[in-house]
Amino acid sequence: MTDLNAYHYFEKSVGPFRNLSSLSEQEAEFVARRIRQEGRNFASQRSADYMMIRRALEQKAYDQFIAKGGKPTNRYPHYLTLGACAWLESWYTDPDCVTISWEDLPPDSVSFTYGDLFPTMRYLDDKAYRKQVYTKDEILDVIQSYGWPQEWNRQGDLGPERYIEVQVWNEGIIRPYRQRY
């Protein structure tokens, strides 16, 4: 796999880049609770403390990204995958996808984790890519060393890594894609 495009999967009826982290704590909890109660998609399986954990992990990623020279304009990221990931598409009842080219991802506005932010920052093992946020240059070396999770872990039976996550920390990057819907 050599696909360096970023993919954002979403429910077609809702539209792209709808972000729980952009909401107040009360609003986010209300939406998360409603998603759990509806039970229609993968996100309905999230725990009751999901938003509290998410905000803490986003802060950790934000701090690491700044330490590596990132210049985020948002306090929270928008999430995409590096390379296509059919498994994520299966999370949605009526899925759609936005694709952003590698060239349109400014190095000072995007970070990466080898796997989803949640397991990457929380899974307890000794893999070198755990608890790490990578820059655009660094993620290429990580891929060279470990490969593409979308290829070696298609079924999810070899660990929590199913894709490489892209965190976009600048609203200006995603705004044109949101406006199309």
C-alpha atoms as a PDB file:
ATOM      1  CA  MET A   1       0.000   0.000   0.000  1.00  0.00           C
ATOM      2  CA  THR A   2       1.390   3.388  -0.892  1.00  0.00           C
ATOM      3  CA  ASP A   3      -1.760   5.485  -0.565  1.00  0.00           C
ATOM      4  CA  LEU A   4      -0.794   8.617   1.346  1.00  0.00           C
ATOM      5  CA  ASN A   5      -4.170  10.296   0.945  1.00  0.00           C
ATOM      6  CA  ALA A   6      -6.215  11.017   4.059  1.00  0.00           C
ATOM      7  CA  TYR A   7      -9.738   9.545   4.287  1.00  0.00           C
ATOM      8  CA  HIS A   8     -12.583  10.733   6.482  1.00  0.00           C
ATOM      9  CA  TYR A   9     -15.518   8.308   6.772  1.00  0.00           C
ATOM     10  CA  PHE A  10     -18.919   9.481   7.945  1.00  0.00           C
ATOM     11  CA  GLU A  11     -22.649   8.856   7.899  1.00  0.00           C
ATOM     12  CA  LYS A  12     -23.956  10.401   4.667  1.00  0.00           C
ATOM     13  CA  SER A  13     -27.087  11.826   6.310  1.00  0.00           C
ATOM     14  CA  VAL A  14     -24.993  13.622   8.956  1.00  0.00           C
ATOM     15  CA  GLY A  15     -22.161  14.938   6.771  1.00  0.00           C
ATOM     16  CA  PRO A  16     -18.401  15.056   7.225  1.00  0.00           C
ATOM     17  CA  PHE A  17     -16.304  16.430  10.045  1.00  0.00           C
ATOM     18  CA  ARG A  18     -19.007  16.508  12.705  1.00  0.00           C
ATOM     19  CA  ASN A  19     -16.887  16.518  15.817  1.00  0.00           C
ATOM     20  CA  LEU A  20     -18.047  15.762  19.359  1.00  0.00           C
ATOM     21  CA  SER A  21     -15.020  17.614  20.708  1.00  0.00           C
ATOM     22  CA  SER A  22     -16.281  20.859  19.191  1.00  0.00           C
ATOM     23  CA  LEU A  23     -19.298  20.732  21.503  1.00  0.00           C
ATOM     24  CA  SER A  24     -19.548  21.784  25.134  1.00  0.00           C
ATOM     25  CA  GLU A  25     -19.179  18.992  27.679  1.00  0.00           C
ATOM     26  CA  GLN A  26     -22.943  18.841  28.208  1.00  0.00           C
ATOM     27  CA  GLU A  27     -23.773  18.852  24.486  1.00  0.00           C
ATOM     28  CA  ALA A  28     -21.146  16.195  23.727  1.00  0.00           C
ATOM     29  CA  GLU A  29     -22.450  13.947  26.519  1.00  0.00           C
ATOM     30  CA  PHE A  30     -26.006  14.352  25.247  1.00  0.00           C
ATOM     31  CA  VAL A  31     -25.030  13.389  21.683  1.00  0.00           C
ATOM     32  CA  ALA A  32     -22.835  10.501  22.840  1.00  0.00           C
ATOM     33  CA  ARG A  33     -25.679   9.172  25.031  1.00  0.00           C
ATOM     34  CA  ARG A  34     -28.128   9.419  22.118  1.00  0.00           C
ATOM     35  CA  ILE A  35     -25.714   7.496  19.853  1.00  0.00           C
ATOM     36  CA  ARG A  36     -25.381   4.741  22.481  1.00  0.00           C
ATOM     37  CA  GLN A  37     -29.158   4.524  22.921  1.00  0.00           C
ATOM     38  CA  GLU A  38     -29.848   4.355  19.182  1.00  0.00           C
ATOM     39  CA  GLY A  39     -27.370   1.489  18.843  1.00  0.00           C
ATOM     40  CA  ARG A  40     -27.205   1.790  15.063  1.00  0.00           C
ATOM     41  CA  ASN A  41     -23.471   1.933  14.429  1.00  0.00           C
ATOM     42  CA  PHE A  42     -20.033   1.179  15.803  1.00  0.00           C
ATOM     43  CA  ALA A  43     -19.903   4.407  17.832  1.00  0.00           C
ATOM     44  CA  SER A  44     -22.869   3.190  19.900  1.00  0.00           C
ATOM     45  CA  GLN A  45     -20.505   0.741  21.638  1.00  0.00           C
ATOM     46  CA  ARG A  46     -18.506   3.513  23.308  1.00  0.00           C
ATOM     47  CA  SER A  47     -18.416   3.605  27.094  1.00  0.00           C
ATOM     48  CA  ALA A  48     -20.194   6.214  29.215  1.00  0.00           C
ATOM     49  CA  ASP A  49     -16.839   7.871  30.057  1.00  0.00           C
ATOM     50  CA  TYR A  50     -15.800   8.078  26.391  1.00  0.00           C
ATOM     51  CA  MET A  51     -15.845  11.884  26.156  1.00  0.00           C
ATOM     52  CA  MET A  52     -13.830  12.369  29.333  1.00  0.00           C
ATOM     53  CA  ILE A  53     -11.161   9.959  28.070  1.00  0.00           C
ATOM     54  CA  ARG A  54     -11.253  11.440  24.562  1.00  0.00           C
ATOM     55  CA  ARG A  55     -10.661  14.984  25.775  1.00  0.00           C
ATOM     56  CA  ALA A  56      -7.703  13.860  27.916  1.00  0.00           C
ATOM     57  CA  LEU A  57      -6.146  11.953  25.007  1.00  0.00           C
ATOM     58  CA  GLU A  58      -6.678  14.877  22.655  1.00  0.00           C
ATOM     59  CA  GLN A  59      -4.885  17.143  25.126  1.00  0.00           C
ATOM     60  CA  LYS A  60      -1.983  14.699  25.287  1.00  0.00           C
ATOM     61  CA  ALA A  61      -1.783  14.553  21.471  1.00  0.00           C
ATOM     62  CA  TYR A  62      -2.028  18.357  21.266  1.00  0.00           C
ATOM     63  CA  ASP A  63       0.836  18.806  23.744  1.00  0.00           C
ATOM     64  CA  GLN A  64       3.057  16.267  21.948  1.00  0.00           C
ATOM     65  CA  PHE A  65       2.337  17.831  18.564  1.00  0.00           C
ATOM     66  CA  ILE A  66       3.267  21.319  19.817  1.00  0.00           C
ATOM     67  CA  ALA A  67       6.459  19.905  21.363  1.00  0.00           C
ATOM     68  CA  LYS A  68       7.383  18.613  17.895  1.00  0.00           C
ATOM     69  CA  GLY A  69       6.839  21.998  16.266  1.00  0.00           C
ATOM     70  CA  GLY A  70       3.169  21.701  15.321  1.00  0.00           C
ATOM     71  CA  LYS A  71       1.094  24.859  15.126  1.00  0.00           C
ATOM     72  CA  PRO A  72      -2.490  23.750  15.756  1.00  0.00           C
ATOM     73  CA  THR A  73      -5.215  26.342  15.443  1.00  0.00           C
ATOM     74  CA  ASN A  74      -7.835  24.024  17.009  1.00  0.00           C
ATOM     75  CA  ARG A  75      -7.695  22.598  20.543  1.00  0.00           C
ATOM     76  CA  TYR A  76      -9.058  19.305  19.191  1.00  0.00           C
ATOM     77  CA  PRO A  77      -8.372  17.419  15.957  1.00  0.00           C
ATOM     78  CA  HIS A  78     -10.547  16.166  13.149  1.00  0.00           C
ATOM     79  CA  TYR A  79      -9.887  12.493  12.495  1.00  0.00           C
ATOM     80  CA  LEU A  80      -9.000  10.780   9.235  1.00  0.00           C
ATOM     81  CA  THR A  81      -7.043   7.694   8.205  1.00  0.00           C
ATOM     82  CA  LEU A  82      -3.845   7.642   6.214  1.00  0.00           C
ATOM     83  CA  GLY A  83      -4.731   5.365   3.341  1.00  0.00           C
ATOM     84  CA  ALA A  84      -8.147   3.854   2.761  1.00  0.00           C
ATOM     85  CA  CYS A  85      -9.677   1.623   5.445  1.00  0.00           C
ATOM     86  CA  ALA A  86     -12.661  -0.519   4.478  1.00  0.00           C
ATOM     87  CA  TRP A  87     -13.186  -1.516   8.118  1.00  0.00           C
ATOM     88  CA  LEU A  88     -13.997   2.101   9.094  1.00  0.00           C
ATOM     89  CA  GLU A  89     -16.487   2.365   6.273  1.00  0.00           C
ATOM     90  CA  SER A  90     -18.328  -0.571   7.855  1.00  0.00           C
ATOM     91  CA  TRP A  91     -19.018   1.543  10.965  1.00  0.00           C
ATOM     92  CA  TYR A  92     -21.780   3.426   9.140  1.00  0.00           C
ATOM     93  CA  THR A  93     -25.269   2.534   7.942  1.00  0.00           C
ATOM     94  CA  ASP A  94     -24.999   4.697   4.806  1.00  0.00           C
ATOM     95  CA  PRO A  95     -21.291   5.611   4.577  1.00  0.00           C
ATOM     96  CA  ASP A  96     -19.581   8.281   2.581  1.00  0.00           C
ATOM     97  CA  CYS A  97     -15.981   9.440   2.446  1.00  0.00           C
ATOM     98  CA  VAL A  98     -13.932  12.589   1.909  1.00  0.00           C
ATOM     99  CA  THR A  99     -10.388  12.232   0.556  1.00  0.00           C
ATOM    100  CA  ILE A 100      -7.658  14.830   1.127  1.00  0.00           C
ATOM    101  CA  SER A 101      -4.386  14.497  -0.762  1.00  0.00           C
ATOM    102  CA  TRP A 102      -1.054  14.192   1.060  1.00  0.00           C
ATOM    103  CA  GLU A 103       0.058  17.447  -0.548  1.00  0.00           C
ATOM    104  CA  ASP A 104      -2.910  19.280   1.005  1.00  0.00           C
ATOM    105  CA  LEU A 105      -1.908  18.278   4.548  1.00  0.00           C
ATOM    106  CA  PRO A 106       0.390  21.038   5.893  1.00  0.00           C
ATOM    107  CA  PRO A 107       3.094  19.582   8.183  1.00  0.00           C
ATOM    108  CA  ASP A 108       2.449  22.139  10.930  1.00  0.00           C
ATOM    109  CA  SER A 109      -1.282  21.293  11.028  1.00  0.00           C
ATOM    110  CA  VAL A 110      -1.413  17.472  11.004  1.00  0.00           C
ATOM    111  CA  SER A 111      -0.180  14.787  13.351  1.00  0.00           C
ATOM    112  CA  PHE A 112      -0.388  11.002  13.125  1.00  0.00           C
ATOM    113  CA  THR A 113      -0.719   8.012  15.410  1.00  0.00           C
ATOM    114  CA  TYR A 114       0.075   4.452  14.412  1.00  0.00           C
ATOM    115  CA  GLY A 115      -3.408   3.217  15.096  1.00  0.00           C
ATOM    116  CA  ASP A 116      -6.433   5.014  16.475  1.00  0.00           C
ATOM    117  CA  LEU A 117      -5.641   7.606  19.144  1.00  0.00           C
ATOM    118  CA  PHE A 118      -7.477   5.623  21.847  1.00  0.00           C
ATOM    119  CA  PRO A 119      -5.587   2.332  21.719  1.00  0.00           C
ATOM    120  CA  THR A 120      -2.339   4.005  20.668  1.00  0.00           C
ATOM    121  CA  MET A 121      -2.290   6.093  23.843  1.00  0.00           C
ATOM    122  CA  ARG A 122      -3.861   3.529  26.188  1.00  0.00           C
ATOM    123  CA  TYR A 123      -2.880   0.006  25.104  1.00  0.00           C
ATOM    124  CA  LEU A 124      -0.318  -1.471  27.457  1.00  0.00           C
ATOM    125  CA  ASP A 125       2.457  -3.275  25.639  1.00  0.00           C
ATOM    126  CA  ASP A 126       6.043  -2.453  24.739  1.00  0.00           C
ATOM    127  CA  LYS A 127       5.594  -1.479  21.082  1.00  0.00           C
ATOM    128  CA  ALA A 128       7.692   1.573  20.244  1.00  0.00           C
ATOM    129  CA  TYR A 129       4.827   3.414  18.548  1.00  0.00           C
ATOM    130  CA  ARG A 130       2.580   3.418  21.626  1.00  0.00           C
ATOM    131  CA  LYS A 131       1.835   6.739  23.313  1.00  0.00           C
ATOM    132  CA  GLN A 132       3.452   8.579  20.378  1.00  0.00           C
ATOM    133  CA  VAL A 133       2.280  11.331  18.074  1.00  0.00           C
ATOM    134  CA  TYR A 134       4.211  11.651  14.824  1.00  0.00           C
ATOM    135  CA  THR A 135       4.841  14.472  12.380  1.00  0.00           C
ATOM    136  CA  LYS A 136       4.300  14.158   8.654  1.00  0.00           C
ATOM    137  CA  ASP A 137       7.964  13.306   8.097  1.00  0.00           C
ATOM    138  CA  GLU A 138       8.138  10.877  11.014  1.00  0.00           C
ATOM    139  CA  ILE A 139       5.103   8.808  10.016  1.00  0.00           C
ATOM    140  CA  LEU A 140       6.819   7.808   6.775  1.00  0.00           C
ATOM    141  CA  ASP A 141       9.651   6.205   8.788  1.00  0.00           C
ATOM    142  CA  VAL A 142       7.127   4.460  11.033  1.00  0.00           C
ATOM    143  CA  ILE A 143       5.364   3.010   7.976  1.00  0.00           C
ATOM    144  CA  GLN A 144       8.738   1.886   6.606  1.00  0.00           C
ATOM    145  CA  SER A 145       9.439   0.087   9.901  1.00  0.00           C
ATOM    146  CA  TYR A 146       6.024  -1.420  10.692  1.00  0.00           C
ATOM    147  CA  GLY A 147       4.020  -1.407   7.460  1.00  0.00           C
ATOM    148  CA  TRP A 148       0.362  -0.543   6.988  1.00  0.00           C
ATOM    149  CA  PRO A 149      -2.047  -1.845   9.671  1.00  0.00           C
ATOM    150  CA  GLN A 150      -4.766  -1.879   6.989  1.00  0.00           C
ATOM    151  CA  GLU A 151      -2.720  -4.634   5.313  1.00  0.00           C
ATOM    152  CA  TRP A 152      -1.237  -6.698   8.145  1.00  0.00           C
ATOM    153  CA  ASN A 153      -4.235  -6.468  10.487  1.00  0.00           C
ATOM    154  CA  ARG A 154      -7.300  -6.421   8.225  1.00  0.00           C
ATOM    155  CA  GLN A 155      -9.321  -8.598  10.613  1.00  0.00           C
ATOM    156  CA  GLY A 156      -8.165  -6.882  13.819  1.00  0.00           C
ATOM    157  CA  ASP A 157      -6.925 -10.123  15.325  1.00  0.00           C
ATOM    158  CA  LEU A 158      -3.280  -9.013  15.611  1.00  0.00           C
ATOM    159  CA  GLY A 159      -3.803  -6.037  17.927  1.00  0.00           C
ATOM    160  CA  PRO A 160      -5.720  -2.777  18.105  1.00  0.00           C
ATOM    161  CA  GLU A 161      -3.967  -1.187  15.110  1.00  0.00           C
ATOM    162  CA  ARG A 162      -6.359  -1.207  12.153  1.00  0.00           C
ATOM    163  CA  TYR A 163      -5.188   1.994  10.411  1.00  0.00           C
ATOM    164  CA  ILE A 164      -2.895   4.981  10.755  1.00  0.00           C
ATOM    165  CA  GLU A 165      -4.827   7.935  12.106  1.00  0.00           C
ATOM    166  CA  VAL A 166      -4.407  11.496  10.850  1.00  0.00           C
ATOM    167  CA  GLN A 167      -5.265  14.289  13.256  1.00  0.00           C
ATOM    168  CA  VAL A 168      -6.031  17.567  11.458  1.00  0.00           C
ATOM    169  CA  TRP A 169      -5.623  20.491  13.853  1.00  0.00           C
ATOM    170  CA  ASN A 170      -6.718  23.299  11.525  1.00  0.00           C
ATOM    171  CA  GLU A 171     -10.337  23.987  10.641  1.00  0.00           C
ATOM    172  CA  GLY A 172      -9.283  25.697   7.407  1.00  0.00           C
ATOM    173  CA  ILE A 173      -8.099  22.379   5.958  1.00  0.00           C
ATOM    174  CA  ILE A 174     -11.439  20.624   6.371  1.00  0.00           C
ATOM    175  CA  ARG A 175     -13.799  23.574   5.829  1.00  0.00           C
ATOM    176  CA  PRO A 176     -13.978  23.238   2.003  1.00  0.00           C
ATOM    177  CA  TYR A 177     -14.898  19.559   2.324  1.00  0.00           C
ATOM    178  CA  ARG A 178     -17.587  20.223   4.920  1.00  0.00           C
ATOM    179  CA  GLN A 179     -19.145  22.918   2.733  1.00  0.00           C
ATOM    180  CA  ARG A 180     -19.747  20.439  -0.092  1.00  0.00           C
ATOM    181  CA  TYR A 181     -22.377  18.636   1.975  1.00  0.00           C
END
